[in-house]
Amino acid sequence: MELEKKINALFQELNFEKVSVSGNPLFLLNGLYYRITLVKGLKSYVIECADSYDKAVKNIFEDCDLYPISLNETELIDDLRHDLLKYYMN
């Protein structure tokens, strides 16, 4: 399974709701909208967050955390899981 599919599966496993806002696939939890994007210039996946539906519609997201692709796949998924549980699901 490719890494992006594993990342999406992790969000769904942790009960983030998969939603579409203005045609963009996002995850929703506790009123916050999340997306994870590969930023090639940073060589990292970035979790971005919008704290309201209106901001998500306007594509106003704040960068939250970086997950470098230099990590092996297992390390990246484990780090992401840890951070989602500790910092995003409280």
C-alpha atoms as a PDB file:
ATOM      1  CA  MET A   1       0.000   0.000   0.000  1.00  0.00           C
ATOM      2  CA  GLU A   2       1.433   3.390  -0.907  1.00  0.00           C
ATOM      3  CA  LEU A   3       2.258   5.806   1.909  1.00  0.00           C
ATOM      4  CA  GLU A   4      -0.558   8.291   1.229  1.00  0.00           C
ATOM      5  CA  LYS A   5      -3.118   5.488   1.417  1.00  0.00           C
ATOM      6  CA  LYS A   6      -1.615   4.361   4.736  1.00  0.00           C
ATOM      7  CA  ILE A   7      -1.797   7.914   6.080  1.00  0.00           C
ATOM      8  CA  ASN A   8      -5.452   8.226   5.029  1.00  0.00           C
ATOM      9  CA  ALA A   9      -6.212   4.840   6.585  1.00  0.00           C
ATOM     10  CA  LEU A  10      -4.589   5.964   9.852  1.00  0.00           C
ATOM     11  CA  PHE A  11      -6.779   9.077  10.051  1.00  0.00           C
ATOM     12  CA  GLN A  12      -9.865   6.949   9.439  1.00  0.00           C
ATOM     13  CA  GLU A  13      -8.740   4.299  11.940  1.00  0.00           C
ATOM     14  CA  LEU A  14      -8.517   7.066  14.555  1.00  0.00           C
ATOM     15  CA  ASN A  15     -12.093   8.147  13.734  1.00  0.00           C
ATOM     16  CA  PHE A  16     -11.367  11.323  11.832  1.00  0.00           C
ATOM     17  CA  GLU A  17     -14.329  11.804   9.517  1.00  0.00           C
ATOM     18  CA  LYS A  18     -13.443  11.993   5.834  1.00  0.00           C
ATOM     19  CA  VAL A  19     -15.233  15.008   4.320  1.00  0.00           C
ATOM     20  CA  SER A  20     -15.121  17.096   1.175  1.00  0.00           C
ATOM     21  CA  VAL A  21     -15.038  20.888   1.411  1.00  0.00           C
ATOM     22  CA  SER A  22     -15.157  22.831  -1.850  1.00  0.00           C
ATOM     23  CA  GLY A  23     -14.168  19.622  -3.618  1.00  0.00           C
ATOM     24  CA  ASN A  24     -11.084  19.116  -1.437  1.00  0.00           C
ATOM     25  CA  PRO A  25     -10.759  15.917   0.616  1.00  0.00           C
ATOM     26  CA  LEU A  26     -10.237  16.741   4.298  1.00  0.00           C
ATOM     27  CA  PHE A  27     -10.512  15.084   7.675  1.00  0.00           C
ATOM     28  CA  LEU A  28     -12.791  16.449  10.392  1.00  0.00           C
ATOM     29  CA  LEU A  29     -12.469  15.958  14.140  1.00  0.00           C
ATOM     30  CA  ASN A  30     -14.029  18.048  16.905  1.00  0.00           C
ATOM     31  CA  GLY A  31     -14.878  20.896  14.535  1.00  0.00           C
ATOM     32  CA  LEU A  32     -11.342  21.156  13.128  1.00  0.00           C
ATOM     33  CA  TYR A  33     -10.497  20.405   9.506  1.00  0.00           C
ATOM     34  CA  TYR A  34      -7.219  18.691   8.624  1.00  0.00           C
ATOM     35  CA  ARG A  35      -5.334  17.811   5.509  1.00  0.00           C
ATOM     36  CA  ILE A  36      -1.953  16.235   5.031  1.00  0.00           C
ATOM     37  CA  THR A  37       0.077  17.342   2.061  1.00  0.00           C
ATOM     38  CA  LEU A  38       3.395  16.290   0.602  1.00  0.00           C
ATOM     39  CA  VAL A  39       5.508  19.445   0.281  1.00  0.00           C
ATOM     40  CA  LYS A  40       8.320  18.463  -2.042  1.00  0.00           C
ATOM     41  CA  GLY A  41      10.415  21.540  -1.231  1.00  0.00           C
ATOM     42  CA  LEU A  42      10.453  20.509   2.438  1.00  0.00           C
ATOM     43  CA  LYS A  43      10.705  16.808   1.582  1.00  0.00           C
ATOM     44  CA  SER A  44       8.001  16.276   4.183  1.00  0.00           C
ATOM     45  CA  TYR A  45       4.358  15.568   4.726  1.00  0.00           C
ATOM     46  CA  VAL A  46       2.693  18.503   6.487  1.00  0.00           C
ATOM     47  CA  ILE A  47      -0.432  18.388   8.633  1.00  0.00           C
ATOM     48  CA  GLU A  48      -2.432  21.530   8.049  1.00  0.00           C
ATOM     49  CA  CYS A  49      -5.417  22.633  10.126  1.00  0.00           C
ATOM     50  CA  ALA A  50      -8.370  25.001   9.722  1.00  0.00           C
ATOM     51  CA  ASP A  51     -10.313  25.809  12.863  1.00  0.00           C
ATOM     52  CA  SER A  52     -13.647  26.412  11.128  1.00  0.00           C
ATOM     53  CA  TYR A  53     -15.659  25.373   8.105  1.00  0.00           C
ATOM     54  CA  ASP A  54     -15.431  28.931   6.742  1.00  0.00           C
ATOM     55  CA  LYS A  55     -11.620  28.842   6.857  1.00  0.00           C
ATOM     56  CA  ALA A  56     -11.581  25.426   5.213  1.00  0.00           C
ATOM     57  CA  VAL A  57     -13.824  26.739   2.412  1.00  0.00           C
ATOM     58  CA  LYS A  58     -11.486  29.728   1.951  1.00  0.00           C
ATOM     59  CA  ASN A  59      -8.478  27.385   2.019  1.00  0.00           C
ATOM     60  CA  ILE A  60      -7.001  29.099   5.101  1.00  0.00           C
ATOM     61  CA  PHE A  61      -4.976  26.412   6.845  1.00  0.00           C
ATOM     62  CA  GLU A  62      -2.170  26.681   9.367  1.00  0.00           C
ATOM     63  CA  ASP A  63       0.855  24.398   9.180  1.00  0.00           C
ATOM     64  CA  CYS A  64       0.968  22.174  12.237  1.00  0.00           C
ATOM     65  CA  ASP A  65       3.545  19.376  12.014  1.00  0.00           C
ATOM     66  CA  LEU A  66       6.119  18.054   9.557  1.00  0.00           C
ATOM     67  CA  TYR A  67       6.908  14.403   8.872  1.00  0.00           C
ATOM     68  CA  PRO A  68      10.059  14.074   6.743  1.00  0.00           C
ATOM     69  CA  ILE A  69      10.021  11.533   3.967  1.00  0.00           C
ATOM     70  CA  SER A  70      13.581  10.668   4.980  1.00  0.00           C
ATOM     71  CA  LEU A  71      11.979   8.559   7.725  1.00  0.00           C
ATOM     72  CA  ASN A  72      11.181   5.059   6.680  1.00  0.00           C
ATOM     73  CA  GLU A  73       7.486   4.380   6.145  1.00  0.00           C
ATOM     74  CA  THR A  74       6.975   2.632   9.486  1.00  0.00           C
ATOM     75  CA  GLU A  75       8.671   5.429  11.452  1.00  0.00           C
ATOM     76  CA  LEU A  76       6.638   8.108   9.682  1.00  0.00           C
ATOM     77  CA  ILE A  77       3.332   6.328  10.349  1.00  0.00           C
ATOM     78  CA  ASP A  78       4.309   5.626  13.982  1.00  0.00           C
ATOM     79  CA  ASP A  79       5.315   9.271  14.560  1.00  0.00           C
ATOM     80  CA  LEU A  80       2.124  10.487  12.935  1.00  0.00           C
ATOM     81  CA  ARG A  81      -0.008   8.091  15.020  1.00  0.00           C
ATOM     82  CA  HIS A  82       1.729   9.228  18.215  1.00  0.00           C
ATOM     83  CA  ASP A  83       1.186  12.915  17.442  1.00  0.00           C
ATOM     84  CA  LEU A  84      -2.427  12.485  16.362  1.00  0.00           C
ATOM     85  CA  LEU A  85      -3.250  10.658  19.579  1.00  0.00           C
ATOM     86  CA  LYS A  86      -1.312  13.010  21.859  1.00  0.00           C
ATOM     87  CA  TYR A  87      -1.872  16.425  20.318  1.00  0.00           C
ATOM     88  CA  TYR A  88      -4.876  16.323  18.022  1.00  0.00           C
ATOM     89  CA  MET A  89      -7.359  14.048  19.725  1.00  0.00           C
ATOM     90  CA  ASN A  90      -7.525  15.644  23.171  1.00  0.00           C
END
